[in-house]
């Protein structure tokens, strides 16, 4: 997409003056000068979605389950000269430095927490880890898409594919309430994948198509969605009723206690 659309949106809201003051004060660049740097080709890929147990960085010995995945984000540079002006501007010159044909992070604190990255005059590429990033840059480690997906998405203004069957299969049910488990099981048994494609039409019109596929192709999709919505509504109602009953439970007087606080006033001075 044309990055200048972002500038048009900012201007339409009347905030372009504020944005210009901020950018000119911090970078010495205008909003258009920054938008000129990028061509508008964006790629985001994520795979191997899992739920992993990770130790807290603030409380050693405590573990929590968090979602995790491998991912790649790539943004194509449009104008190398404009891009170099952005990277060497006062806003970023203390963060990045040029080494050969790459820009690297010079701030140690940012480098310790930033994802793996490769920044050149052609692409800005980020990855979940350095090994995956190098595989992507070398053209290795391809993901095999189902038949027909790549040809359907290729050449479109916007193309996306989500394997819902794989994503939902790793969601743990043991952390869910008794009311939520049957709903999640129905979700796992129901959805297969999701595809979205947008292509240019005539003039300034574009055509977008989103398709949600179900595992069972013999039953009407609208009926299946209505059944899922009904089950979800029942589960929410049952969970709310259970929580309300817990809060409304009477207190056993034999087990209750009273905490009394006394304020002691010191005697007056002699």
Protein backbone atom coordinates (compact mmCIF):
# COMPACT_ATOMS: atom_id res chain seq x y z
CA UNK A 1 0.00 0.00 0.00
CA UNK A 2 1.04 3.60 -0.50
CA UNK A 3 2.60 4.81 2.75
CA UNK A 4 1.40 8.33 1.95
CA UNK A 5 -2.08 7.08 2.89
CA UNK A 6 -0.90 7.36 6.51
CA UNK A 7 -0.07 11.02 5.93
CA UNK A 8 -3.46 11.64 4.32
CA UNK A 9 -5.20 10.08 7.33
CA UNK A 10 -3.22 12.29 9.71
CA UNK A 11 -4.10 15.37 7.65
CA UNK A 12 -7.77 14.40 7.55
CA UNK A 13 -7.87 14.37 11.37
CA UNK A 14 -6.24 17.80 11.55
CA UNK A 15 -3.27 16.44 13.51
CA UNK A 16 -0.66 17.06 10.79
CA UNK A 17 0.50 20.28 12.45
CA UNK A 18 1.21 18.54 15.75
CA UNK A 19 2.93 15.63 14.01
CA UNK A 20 5.06 17.99 11.94
CA UNK A 21 6.16 19.93 15.03
CA UNK A 22 7.13 16.71 16.84
CA UNK A 23 9.03 15.24 13.88
CA UNK A 24 10.82 18.46 12.91
CA UNK A 25 11.84 19.05 16.52
CA UNK A 26 13.16 15.52 17.05
CA UNK A 27 14.39 14.48 13.62
CA UNK A 28 14.53 17.59 11.47
CA UNK A 29 12.42 15.72 8.90
CA UNK A 30 8.90 16.21 7.65
CA UNK A 31 6.24 13.52 7.75
CA UNK A 32 6.35 13.15 3.96
CA UNK A 33 10.14 12.77 4.02
CA UNK A 34 9.78 9.79 6.37
CA UNK A 35 6.93 8.24 4.38
CA UNK A 36 8.97 8.58 1.17
CA UNK A 37 11.48 6.10 2.57
CA UNK A 38 9.20 3.07 2.30
CA UNK A 39 7.62 1.45 -0.71
CA UNK A 40 4.66 -0.18 1.02
CA UNK A 41 5.49 -3.88 0.58
CA UNK A 42 4.98 -5.56 3.97
CA UNK A 43 5.32 -9.23 4.86
CA UNK A 44 4.43 -10.87 8.17
CA UNK A 45 4.71 -14.62 8.71
CA UNK A 46 4.22 -16.52 11.95
CA UNK A 47 4.28 -20.28 12.53
CA UNK A 48 4.91 -23.01 15.12
CA UNK A 49 2.45 -21.48 17.58
CA UNK A 50 2.82 -23.08 21.03
CA UNK A 51 2.01 -22.51 24.69
CA UNK A 52 5.25 -22.71 26.69
CA UNK A 53 6.10 -22.46 30.36
CA UNK A 54 8.50 -19.60 31.00
CA UNK A 55 10.25 -18.43 34.15
CA UNK A 56 9.50 -14.91 35.31
CA UNK A 57 12.39 -12.50 34.75
CA UNK A 58 11.33 -10.56 37.85
CA UNK A 59 10.51 -13.48 40.18
CA UNK A 60 12.98 -16.37 39.68
CA UNK A 61 11.43 -19.75 40.39
CA UNK A 62 7.93 -18.66 39.30
CA UNK A 63 6.69 -19.97 35.95
CA UNK A 64 3.76 -18.94 33.79
CA UNK A 65 2.37 -20.35 30.55
CA UNK A 66 2.59 -17.90 27.64
CA UNK A 67 1.92 -18.12 23.90
CA UNK A 68 5.01 -18.35 21.73
CA UNK A 69 5.69 -18.58 17.99
CA UNK A 70 8.31 -18.13 15.30
CA UNK A 71 7.76 -15.01 13.22
CA UNK A 72 9.24 -12.80 10.50
CA UNK A 73 8.38 -9.18 9.66
CA UNK A 74 9.79 -7.55 6.53
CA UNK A 75 9.32 -3.99 5.23
CA UNK A 76 10.68 -2.99 1.83
CA UNK A 77 12.61 0.28 1.53
CA UNK A 78 11.39 2.48 -1.30
CA UNK A 79 13.92 5.30 -1.59
CA UNK A 80 17.43 4.57 -0.27
CA UNK A 81 18.42 8.25 0.04
CA UNK A 82 15.26 9.11 1.99
CA UNK A 83 15.74 6.02 4.19
CA UNK A 84 19.35 6.94 5.02
CA UNK A 85 18.20 10.44 6.02
CA UNK A 86 15.73 8.88 8.46
CA UNK A 87 18.30 6.47 9.94
CA UNK A 88 20.94 9.24 10.39
CA UNK A 89 18.49 11.85 11.69
CA UNK A 90 18.86 13.22 15.27
CA UNK A 91 15.92 11.00 16.27
CA UNK A 92 17.80 7.74 15.46
CA UNK A 93 21.50 8.58 15.21
CA UNK A 94 22.08 7.70 18.89
CA UNK A 95 20.24 4.38 18.47
CA UNK A 96 21.61 3.04 15.16
CA UNK A 97 25.01 3.16 13.49
CA UNK A 98 26.00 2.07 10.01
CA UNK A 99 28.42 -0.83 9.60
CA UNK A 100 29.09 -1.61 5.95
CA UNK A 101 25.72 -2.07 4.23
CA UNK A 102 23.84 -2.66 7.52
CA UNK A 103 22.54 -0.55 10.39
CA UNK A 104 23.06 -1.97 13.89
CA UNK A 105 21.75 -0.95 17.32
CA UNK A 106 24.34 0.91 19.37
CA UNK A 107 22.25 1.32 22.52
CA UNK A 108 23.12 -1.71 24.76
CA UNK A 109 19.82 -1.65 26.66
CA UNK A 110 17.77 -1.63 23.46
CA UNK A 111 19.99 -4.29 21.88
CA UNK A 112 19.37 -6.61 24.85
CA UNK A 113 15.59 -6.51 24.47
CA UNK A 114 15.16 -5.94 20.71
CA UNK A 115 14.28 -8.83 18.39
CA UNK A 116 16.78 -10.13 15.85
CA UNK A 117 16.98 -7.65 13.00
CA UNK A 118 18.60 -6.87 9.67
CA UNK A 119 18.39 -3.27 8.42
CA UNK A 120 19.73 -2.39 4.96
CA UNK A 121 18.92 0.11 2.21
CA UNK A 122 16.63 -2.54 0.68
CA UNK A 123 14.75 -4.17 3.57
CA UNK A 124 14.00 -3.80 7.27
CA UNK A 125 13.62 -7.38 8.52
CA UNK A 126 12.84 -8.52 12.07
CA UNK A 127 12.59 -12.08 13.40
CA UNK A 128 11.73 -13.99 16.54
CA UNK A 129 15.32 -15.32 16.74
CA UNK A 130 18.60 -14.85 14.89
CA UNK A 131 18.70 -18.38 13.43
CA UNK A 132 15.27 -18.01 11.82
CA UNK A 133 16.18 -14.51 10.57
CA UNK A 134 19.34 -15.76 8.83
CA UNK A 135 17.41 -18.65 7.28
CA UNK A 136 14.86 -16.21 5.91
CA UNK A 137 17.50 -13.83 4.53
CA UNK A 138 19.27 -16.77 2.87
CA UNK A 139 16.03 -18.04 1.35
CA UNK A 140 15.98 -21.25 3.41
CA UNK A 141 13.42 -22.77 5.78
CA UNK A 142 10.38 -22.47 3.54
CA UNK A 143 6.91 -23.21 4.94
CA UNK A 144 4.76 -25.46 2.79
CA UNK A 145 1.36 -23.91 2.22
CA UNK A 146 -1.71 -25.97 1.28
CA UNK A 147 -2.39 -26.41 -2.44
CA UNK A 148 -3.93 -23.38 -4.06
CA UNK A 149 -3.21 -20.88 -1.27
CA UNK A 150 0.00 -19.38 -2.67
CA UNK A 151 -1.39 -18.94 -6.19
CA UNK A 152 -4.54 -17.34 -4.75
CA UNK A 153 -2.61 -14.80 -2.65
CA UNK A 154 0.32 -14.07 -4.99
CA UNK A 155 0.04 -10.78 -6.88
CA UNK A 156 -2.76 -9.43 -4.69
CA UNK A 157 -2.79 -6.04 -2.94
CA UNK A 158 -3.49 -7.86 0.32
CA UNK A 159 -3.15 -11.56 0.96
CA UNK A 160 -3.36 -13.56 4.17
CA UNK A 161 -3.76 -17.15 5.34
CA UNK A 162 -4.31 -18.58 8.84
CA UNK A 163 -4.30 -22.31 9.63
CA UNK A 164 -6.93 -22.22 12.39
CA UNK A 165 -6.73 -25.98 12.87
CA UNK A 166 -3.09 -25.80 13.90
CA UNK A 167 -3.50 -22.66 16.02
CA UNK A 168 -6.45 -23.95 18.06
CA UNK A 169 -4.96 -27.44 18.50
CA UNK A 170 -2.27 -26.19 20.91
CA UNK A 171 -4.59 -24.11 23.12
CA UNK A 172 -4.59 -25.92 26.52
CA UNK A 173 -7.99 -26.82 27.89
CA UNK A 174 -6.75 -27.65 31.41
CA UNK A 175 -6.59 -23.93 32.24
CA UNK A 176 -10.22 -23.36 31.27
CA UNK A 177 -13.33 -23.52 33.41
CA UNK A 178 -15.76 -26.42 33.13
CA UNK A 179 -18.12 -24.17 31.18
CA UNK A 180 -15.45 -23.09 28.66
CA UNK A 181 -14.03 -26.54 27.85
CA UNK A 182 -16.94 -27.82 25.70
CA UNK A 183 -16.99 -24.53 23.76
CA UNK A 184 -13.27 -24.75 23.00
CA UNK A 185 -13.67 -28.39 21.95
CA UNK A 186 -16.39 -27.32 19.52
CA UNK A 187 -14.11 -24.56 18.16
CA UNK A 188 -11.30 -27.08 17.61
CA UNK A 189 -13.66 -29.48 15.84
CA UNK A 190 -15.20 -26.72 13.73
CA UNK A 191 -12.68 -24.42 12.03
CA UNK A 192 -10.10 -25.38 9.40
CA UNK A 193 -8.52 -22.22 7.96
CA UNK A 194 -9.09 -18.59 6.94
CA UNK A 195 -8.00 -16.79 3.76
CA UNK A 196 -8.29 -13.12 2.79
CA UNK A 197 -7.42 -11.64 -0.62
CA UNK A 198 -7.83 -8.10 -1.97
CA UNK A 199 -7.19 -7.22 -5.62
CA UNK A 200 -7.45 -4.05 -7.65
CA UNK A 201 -10.58 -3.63 -9.72
CA UNK A 202 -11.48 -0.93 -12.20
CA UNK A 203 -10.52 2.68 -11.44
CA UNK A 204 -10.07 3.30 -7.73
CA UNK A 205 -12.14 0.26 -6.69
CA UNK A 206 -10.70 -2.90 -5.20
CA UNK A 207 -12.37 -6.24 -4.51
CA UNK A 208 -11.78 -8.08 -1.23
CA UNK A 209 -12.74 -11.65 -0.40
CA UNK A 210 -12.53 -13.41 2.97
CA UNK A 211 -13.20 -17.16 3.22
CA UNK A 212 -13.61 -19.14 6.45
CA UNK A 213 -13.41 -22.90 5.88
CA UNK A 214 -14.88 -25.55 8.21
CA UNK A 215 -13.65 -29.09 8.75
CA UNK A 216 -17.07 -30.62 8.10
CA UNK A 217 -18.18 -29.57 4.63
CA UNK A 218 -21.43 -31.57 4.72
CA UNK A 219 -23.27 -29.34 7.20
CA UNK A 220 -24.46 -25.79 6.55
CA UNK A 221 -21.87 -23.27 7.79
CA UNK A 222 -24.45 -20.79 9.09
CA UNK A 223 -26.08 -23.52 11.18
CA UNK A 224 -22.70 -24.45 12.65
CA UNK A 225 -21.96 -20.83 13.58
CA UNK A 226 -25.38 -20.45 15.22
CA UNK A 227 -24.81 -23.62 17.26
CA UNK A 228 -21.39 -22.33 18.36
CA UNK A 229 -22.85 -18.95 19.34
CA UNK A 230 -25.59 -20.65 21.34
CA UNK A 231 -23.10 -22.87 23.18
CA UNK A 232 -20.85 -19.89 23.94
CA UNK A 233 -23.79 -17.86 25.29
CA UNK A 234 -24.86 -20.78 27.52
CA UNK A 235 -21.31 -21.19 28.83
CA UNK A 236 -21.02 -17.48 29.65
CA UNK A 237 -24.37 -17.53 31.44
CA UNK A 238 -23.47 -20.67 33.42
CA UNK A 239 -20.08 -19.25 34.42
CA UNK A 240 -21.65 -15.98 35.55
CA UNK A 241 -24.29 -17.86 37.58
CA UNK A 242 -21.59 -19.95 39.28
CA UNK A 243 -19.52 -16.88 40.15
CA UNK A 244 -22.61 -15.06 41.46
CA UNK A 245 -23.46 -18.01 43.69
CA UNK A 246 -19.95 -17.98 45.19
CA UNK A 247 -20.18 -14.29 46.08
CA UNK A 248 -23.71 -14.71 47.41
CA UNK A 249 -22.88 -17.69 49.67
CA UNK A 250 -23.79 -17.06 53.35
CA UNK A 251 -20.99 -16.71 55.88
CA UNK A 252 -20.74 -19.42 58.53
CA UNK A 253 -20.92 -17.50 61.87
CA UNK A 254 -18.94 -20.27 63.54
CA UNK A 255 -16.00 -19.54 61.26
CA UNK A 256 -16.25 -15.77 60.99
CA UNK A 257 -14.06 -13.36 62.86
CA UNK A 258 -13.97 -9.65 63.51
CA UNK A 259 -10.88 -7.51 63.19
CA UNK A 260 -11.02 -4.52 65.52
CA UNK A 261 -8.70 -1.55 65.21
CA UNK A 262 -8.26 0.83 68.17
CA UNK A 263 -6.72 4.26 67.91
CA UNK A 264 -4.78 5.15 71.05
CA UNK A 265 -4.63 8.85 71.80
CA UNK A 266 -1.49 9.78 73.76
CA UNK A 267 -2.01 11.63 77.06
CA UNK A 268 -1.85 15.42 76.98
CA UNK A 269 1.54 17.00 77.77
CA UNK A 270 2.04 18.04 81.44
